[in-house]
């Protein structure tokens, strides 16, 4: 599991966000697509541990993290729900 996933997995806040994401995906019939997007992101973070640590760092400004997600989106073509979620 990537550093970002480990850091966030035990957080009650993360659990709330995950529940909201699940509800949104279910309502939009996009669960499989968003799940695939998240698998891509997890694999990317496993292969690029420095990026995962950077994204997990609470000191890094959100705008810098959004720029990384935007760059990843160029390759992955994330679903709109995924991209909105990542940009929170």
C-alpha atoms as a PDB file:
ATOM      1  CA  UNK A   1       0.000   0.000   0.000  1.00  0.00           C
ATOM      2  CA  UNK A   2       1.316   3.445  -0.875  1.00  0.00           C
ATOM      3  CA  UNK A   3       2.352   6.026   1.712  1.00  0.00           C
ATOM      4  CA  UNK A   4      -0.616   8.248   0.880  1.00  0.00           C
ATOM      5  CA  UNK A   5      -3.053   5.366   1.384  1.00  0.00           C
ATOM      6  CA  UNK A   6      -1.479   4.317   4.679  1.00  0.00           C
ATOM      7  CA  UNK A   7      -1.549   7.871   6.006  1.00  0.00           C
ATOM      8  CA  UNK A   8      -5.194   8.400   5.137  1.00  0.00           C
ATOM      9  CA  UNK A   9      -6.622   4.915   5.765  1.00  0.00           C
ATOM     10  CA  UNK A  10      -7.106   5.327   9.521  1.00  0.00           C
ATOM     11  CA  UNK A  11      -8.511   8.840   9.495  1.00  0.00           C
ATOM     12  CA  UNK A  12     -12.184   9.363  10.400  1.00  0.00           C
ATOM     13  CA  UNK A  13     -12.146  12.328   8.022  1.00  0.00           C
ATOM     14  CA  UNK A  14     -10.954  10.071   5.194  1.00  0.00           C
ATOM     15  CA  UNK A  15     -13.751   7.633   6.010  1.00  0.00           C
ATOM     16  CA  UNK A  16     -16.307  10.425   5.607  1.00  0.00           C
ATOM     17  CA  UNK A  17     -14.823  11.494   2.282  1.00  0.00           C
ATOM     18  CA  UNK A  18     -14.793   7.875   1.088  1.00  0.00           C
ATOM     19  CA  UNK A  19     -18.461   7.472   2.000  1.00  0.00           C
ATOM     20  CA  UNK A  20     -19.362  10.665   0.129  1.00  0.00           C
ATOM     21  CA  UNK A  21     -17.350   9.525  -2.890  1.00  0.00           C
ATOM     22  CA  UNK A  22     -19.089   6.148  -2.871  1.00  0.00           C
ATOM     23  CA  UNK A  23     -22.497   7.810  -2.694  1.00  0.00           C
ATOM     24  CA  UNK A  24     -21.651  10.183  -5.551  1.00  0.00           C
ATOM     25  CA  UNK A  25     -20.277   7.379  -7.729  1.00  0.00           C
ATOM     26  CA  UNK A  26     -23.291   5.191  -7.084  1.00  0.00           C
ATOM     27  CA  UNK A  27     -25.714   7.992  -7.963  1.00  0.00           C
ATOM     28  CA  UNK A  28     -23.805   8.761 -11.181  1.00  0.00           C
ATOM     29  CA  UNK A  29     -23.307   5.085 -12.114  1.00  0.00           C
ATOM     30  CA  UNK A  30     -19.569   5.743 -12.193  1.00  0.00           C
ATOM     31  CA  UNK A  31     -18.346   3.371  -9.483  1.00  0.00           C
ATOM     32  CA  UNK A  32     -16.305   1.122 -11.794  1.00  0.00           C
ATOM     33  CA  UNK A  33     -14.722   4.053 -13.610  1.00  0.00           C
ATOM     34  CA  UNK A  34     -13.750   5.900 -10.450  1.00  0.00           C
ATOM     35  CA  UNK A  35     -12.490   2.663  -8.891  1.00  0.00           C
ATOM     36  CA  UNK A  36     -10.275   2.149 -11.941  1.00  0.00           C
ATOM     37  CA  UNK A  37      -9.016   5.729 -11.606  1.00  0.00           C
ATOM     38  CA  UNK A  38      -8.145   5.152  -7.955  1.00  0.00           C
ATOM     39  CA  UNK A  39      -6.333   1.927  -8.817  1.00  0.00           C
ATOM     40  CA  UNK A  40      -4.277   3.866 -11.370  1.00  0.00           C
ATOM     41  CA  UNK A  41      -3.443   6.482  -8.752  1.00  0.00           C
ATOM     42  CA  UNK A  42      -2.479   3.828  -6.188  1.00  0.00           C
ATOM     43  CA  UNK A  43      -0.226   2.060  -8.691  1.00  0.00           C
ATOM     44  CA  UNK A  44       1.360   5.367  -9.674  1.00  0.00           C
ATOM     45  CA  UNK A  45       2.059   6.192  -6.028  1.00  0.00           C
ATOM     46  CA  UNK A  46       3.560   2.744  -5.439  1.00  0.00           C
ATOM     47  CA  UNK A  47       5.903   3.253  -8.382  1.00  0.00           C
ATOM     48  CA  UNK A  48       6.688   6.862  -7.408  1.00  0.00           C
ATOM     49  CA  UNK A  49       7.063   6.851  -3.647  1.00  0.00           C
ATOM     50  CA  UNK A  50       8.487  10.374  -3.548  1.00  0.00           C
ATOM     51  CA  UNK A  51       5.322  11.697  -5.185  1.00  0.00           C
ATOM     52  CA  UNK A  52       3.187   9.709  -2.738  1.00  0.00           C
ATOM     53  CA  UNK A  53       5.069  11.183   0.217  1.00  0.00           C
ATOM     54  CA  UNK A  54       4.734  14.661  -1.259  1.00  0.00           C
ATOM     55  CA  UNK A  55       0.970  14.243  -1.686  1.00  0.00           C
ATOM     56  CA  UNK A  56       0.625  12.888   1.859  1.00  0.00           C
ATOM     57  CA  UNK A  57       2.543  15.815   3.366  1.00  0.00           C
ATOM     58  CA  UNK A  58       0.089  18.195   5.069  1.00  0.00           C
ATOM     59  CA  UNK A  59       2.554  21.099   4.733  1.00  0.00           C
ATOM     60  CA  UNK A  60       2.460  20.994   0.921  1.00  0.00           C
ATOM     61  CA  UNK A  61      -0.044  23.540  -0.411  1.00  0.00           C
ATOM     62  CA  UNK A  62      -3.198  22.159  -1.982  1.00  0.00           C
ATOM     63  CA  UNK A  63      -2.507  24.013  -5.224  1.00  0.00           C
ATOM     64  CA  UNK A  64       0.764  22.103  -5.675  1.00  0.00           C
ATOM     65  CA  UNK A  65      -1.057  18.815  -5.167  1.00  0.00           C
ATOM     66  CA  UNK A  66      -3.790  19.843  -7.634  1.00  0.00           C
ATOM     67  CA  UNK A  67      -1.099  20.540 -10.238  1.00  0.00           C
ATOM     68  CA  UNK A  68       0.216  16.989  -9.820  1.00  0.00           C
ATOM     69  CA  UNK A  69      -3.296  15.572 -10.191  1.00  0.00           C
ATOM     70  CA  UNK A  70      -3.796  17.706 -13.296  1.00  0.00           C
ATOM     71  CA  UNK A  71      -0.591  16.314 -14.815  1.00  0.00           C
ATOM     72  CA  UNK A  72      -1.640  12.765 -13.957  1.00  0.00           C
ATOM     73  CA  UNK A  73      -5.016  13.447 -15.536  1.00  0.00           C
ATOM     74  CA  UNK A  74      -3.276  14.117 -18.855  1.00  0.00           C
ATOM     75  CA  UNK A  75      -2.189  10.476 -18.873  1.00  0.00           C
ATOM     76  CA  UNK A  76      -5.001   8.771 -16.973  1.00  0.00           C
ATOM     77  CA  UNK A  77      -8.006  10.750 -18.269  1.00  0.00           C
ATOM     78  CA  UNK A  78      -9.713  10.648 -14.882  1.00  0.00           C
ATOM     79  CA  UNK A  79     -13.474  10.724 -14.630  1.00  0.00           C
ATOM     80  CA  UNK A  80     -14.856  14.147 -13.621  1.00  0.00           C
ATOM     81  CA  UNK A  81     -15.912  12.723 -10.238  1.00  0.00           C
ATOM     82  CA  UNK A  82     -12.385  11.458  -9.596  1.00  0.00           C
ATOM     83  CA  UNK A  83     -10.795  14.746 -10.538  1.00  0.00           C
ATOM     84  CA  UNK A  84     -13.244  16.738  -8.410  1.00  0.00           C
ATOM     85  CA  UNK A  85     -12.559  14.430  -5.465  1.00  0.00           C
ATOM     86  CA  UNK A  86      -8.782  14.702  -5.849  1.00  0.00           C
ATOM     87  CA  UNK A  87      -9.011  18.480  -6.024  1.00  0.00           C
ATOM     88  CA  UNK A  88     -10.818  18.825  -2.679  1.00  0.00           C
END
